[in-house]
Protein backbone atom coordinates (compact mmCIF):
# COMPACT_ATOMS: atom_id res chain seq x y z
CA MET A 1 -53.70 0.92 56.98
CA ASN A 2 -52.28 4.42 56.63
CA ARG A 3 -50.65 5.17 53.31
CA LEU A 4 -47.30 6.93 53.49
CA PRO A 5 -45.89 9.01 50.60
CA ALA A 6 -43.58 7.18 48.19
CA MET A 7 -43.83 3.94 50.11
CA LEU A 8 -43.42 0.57 48.48
CA PHE A 9 -44.30 -2.58 50.43
CA VAL A 10 -42.92 -5.87 49.19
CA LEU A 11 -43.88 -9.23 50.62
CA ILE A 12 -40.65 -11.14 50.95
CA PRO A 13 -42.21 -14.50 50.00
CA GLY A 14 -44.64 -12.97 47.49
CA LEU A 15 -42.40 -10.48 45.73
CA VAL A 16 -44.40 -7.59 44.30
CA GLY A 17 -43.01 -4.42 42.71
CA CYS A 18 -43.51 -1.60 40.23
CA ALA A 19 -41.72 -1.19 36.91
CA SER A 20 -39.47 1.68 35.91
CA SER A 21 -36.87 2.08 33.22
CA SER A 22 -34.60 4.61 34.91
CA ASP A 23 -31.26 3.51 36.37
CA THR A 24 -29.52 6.08 38.53
CA VAL A 25 -26.55 4.13 39.86
CA THR A 26 -23.30 2.90 38.42
CA ASP A 27 -22.04 -0.68 38.36
CA ASN A 28 -19.02 0.20 40.50
CA VAL A 29 -19.08 -0.62 44.18
CA PRO A 30 -18.75 2.69 46.05
CA GLU A 31 -16.82 3.14 49.25
CA ARG A 32 -19.04 2.76 52.26
CA GLY A 33 -20.75 6.04 53.05
CA ASN A 34 -20.65 7.48 49.51
CA GLU A 35 -24.12 8.47 48.44
CA VAL A 36 -25.81 6.12 46.01
CA CYS A 37 -29.35 6.88 44.86
CA PHE A 38 -31.89 4.94 42.83
CA ASN A 39 -35.59 4.94 42.05
CA VAL A 40 -37.82 3.02 44.51
CA ARG A 41 -39.88 1.75 41.59
CA ASN A 42 -36.90 -0.38 40.49
CA PHE A 43 -37.08 -2.56 43.62
CA LYS A 44 -38.08 -6.14 42.99
CA PHE A 45 -36.78 -8.23 45.88
CA PHE A 46 -35.80 -7.62 49.50
CA ASP A 47 -34.05 -10.08 51.82
CA ALA A 48 -33.24 -9.09 55.40
CA LEU A 49 -29.86 -10.74 56.03
CA ASP A 50 -29.73 -9.78 59.71
CA ASP A 51 -30.89 -6.89 61.90
CA GLN A 52 -28.62 -4.37 60.16
CA HIS A 53 -28.38 -5.47 56.50
CA ILE A 54 -30.88 -5.89 53.66
CA TYR A 55 -30.17 -7.32 50.22
CA VAL A 56 -32.15 -5.62 47.44
CA ARG A 57 -32.36 -6.63 43.78
CA ASP A 58 -33.77 -4.48 40.99
CA ARG A 59 -36.49 -5.55 38.56
CA GLY A 60 -34.08 -6.44 35.77
CA LYS A 61 -31.93 -8.67 38.04
CA ARG A 62 -28.92 -6.65 36.89
CA LYS A 63 -28.26 -4.60 39.98
CA HIS A 64 -27.74 -5.83 43.51
CA PHE A 65 -27.70 -3.54 46.54
CA LEU A 66 -26.76 -3.75 50.18
CA PHE A 67 -28.67 -1.52 52.58
CA THR A 68 -26.79 -1.00 55.83
CA MET A 69 -29.20 0.23 58.46
CA ASP A 70 -28.67 2.22 61.63
CA PRO A 71 -28.02 -0.08 64.60
CA GLY A 72 -31.06 -1.18 66.58
CA CYS A 73 -33.40 -2.45 63.84
CA TYR A 74 -35.09 -4.86 66.21
CA GLU A 75 -36.35 -8.08 64.56
CA LEU A 76 -35.49 -6.88 61.02
CA ARG A 77 -34.13 -10.35 60.17
CA TYR A 78 -37.65 -11.75 60.72
CA ALA A 79 -39.47 -9.13 58.63
CA LEU A 80 -42.56 -10.40 56.84
CA THR A 81 -42.86 -7.26 54.72
CA ILE A 82 -40.32 -4.56 53.94
CA GLY A 83 -40.99 -1.19 52.34
CA VAL A 84 -39.19 2.06 51.75
CA GLN A 85 -40.42 5.37 53.11
CA ASN A 86 -39.09 8.60 51.71
CA THR A 87 -40.41 11.91 50.46
CA LEU A 88 -39.03 11.52 46.92
CA THR A 89 -38.92 8.62 44.48
CA ASN A 90 -35.14 8.23 44.92
CA VAL A 91 -33.68 6.48 47.96
CA CYS A 92 -30.19 7.61 48.96
CA SER A 93 -27.44 6.90 51.47
CA ASN A 94 -27.01 9.20 54.45
CA ARG A 95 -30.43 10.85 54.28
CA LEU A 96 -33.58 10.42 56.29
CA ASP A 97 -34.88 7.58 54.10
CA LYS A 98 -36.14 4.60 56.09
CA VAL A 99 -37.32 1.06 55.65
CA ILE A 100 -40.65 0.19 57.20
CA TYR A 101 -41.14 -3.46 58.13
CA ARG A 102 -43.45 -5.79 60.00
CA ASP A 103 -41.93 -8.39 62.25
CA LEU A 104 -43.33 -11.79 63.23
CA GLY A 105 -45.56 -10.13 65.82
CA LYS A 106 -46.97 -7.99 62.98
CA VAL A 107 -45.66 -4.86 64.68
CA SER A 108 -44.75 -2.07 62.25
CA ARG A 109 -41.24 -0.75 62.78
CA SER A 110 -38.94 1.64 60.94
CA CYS A 111 -35.20 2.02 60.65
CA ARG A 112 -33.04 4.61 58.88
CA ILE A 113 -30.93 3.62 55.89
CA ARG A 114 -27.32 4.49 56.68
CA TYR A 115 -25.55 3.28 53.50
CA ILE A 116 -26.62 1.93 50.13
CA GLU A 117 -23.97 0.10 48.14
CA VAL A 118 -24.04 -1.56 44.72
CA ALA A 119 -22.55 -5.04 44.28
CA ALA A 120 -22.04 -7.43 41.37
CA SER A 121 -24.23 -10.22 42.79
CA LYS A 122 -26.00 -11.49 45.88
CA ASP A 123 -22.85 -13.47 46.68
CA ALA A 124 -20.87 -10.19 46.65
CA VAL A 125 -23.44 -8.64 49.00
CA ASN A 126 -23.14 -11.62 51.37
CA LYS A 127 -19.33 -11.28 51.30
CA LEU A 128 -19.57 -7.57 52.21
CA VAL A 129 -21.76 -8.46 55.20
CA GLU A 130 -19.42 -11.27 56.30
CA ASP A 131 -16.38 -8.97 55.98
CA ARG A 132 -18.08 -6.26 58.07
CA LYS A 133 -19.00 -8.76 60.77
CA ALA A 134 -15.39 -10.02 60.82
CA GLU A 135 -14.13 -6.41 61.15
CA LYS A 136 -16.42 -5.86 64.15
CA SER A 137 -15.32 -9.05 65.86
CA ASP A 138 -11.64 -8.10 65.42
CA GLN A 139 -12.12 -4.80 67.24
């Protein structure tokens, strides 16, 4: 397997991560599209909610994030592994940072991170996703 710079792979059922003590985000939920950055070493848990949204929790279980991906992340909801590819240790909204994932067919795919938002809990992340889907269906 090729190793990519600053890449962290996490098995969704197995949950593996690296420790870090730095926090670079606030507890406030930003408006969609505002840049939020944080250290990739703080990632503990990924959960692909659908083909455009990923829930991420930090190692301390204090911070919850919603990644909104560019459209067209084929089979993301079935990802067996999810990782982050970037050239720095911080992942940010509206940059060229990507998630790399393997689907059920074990095909490696990538998709650009469009927005990263902070939420109070996983329930709050799920509500954001539901609200966005309702907005799309109303249009």
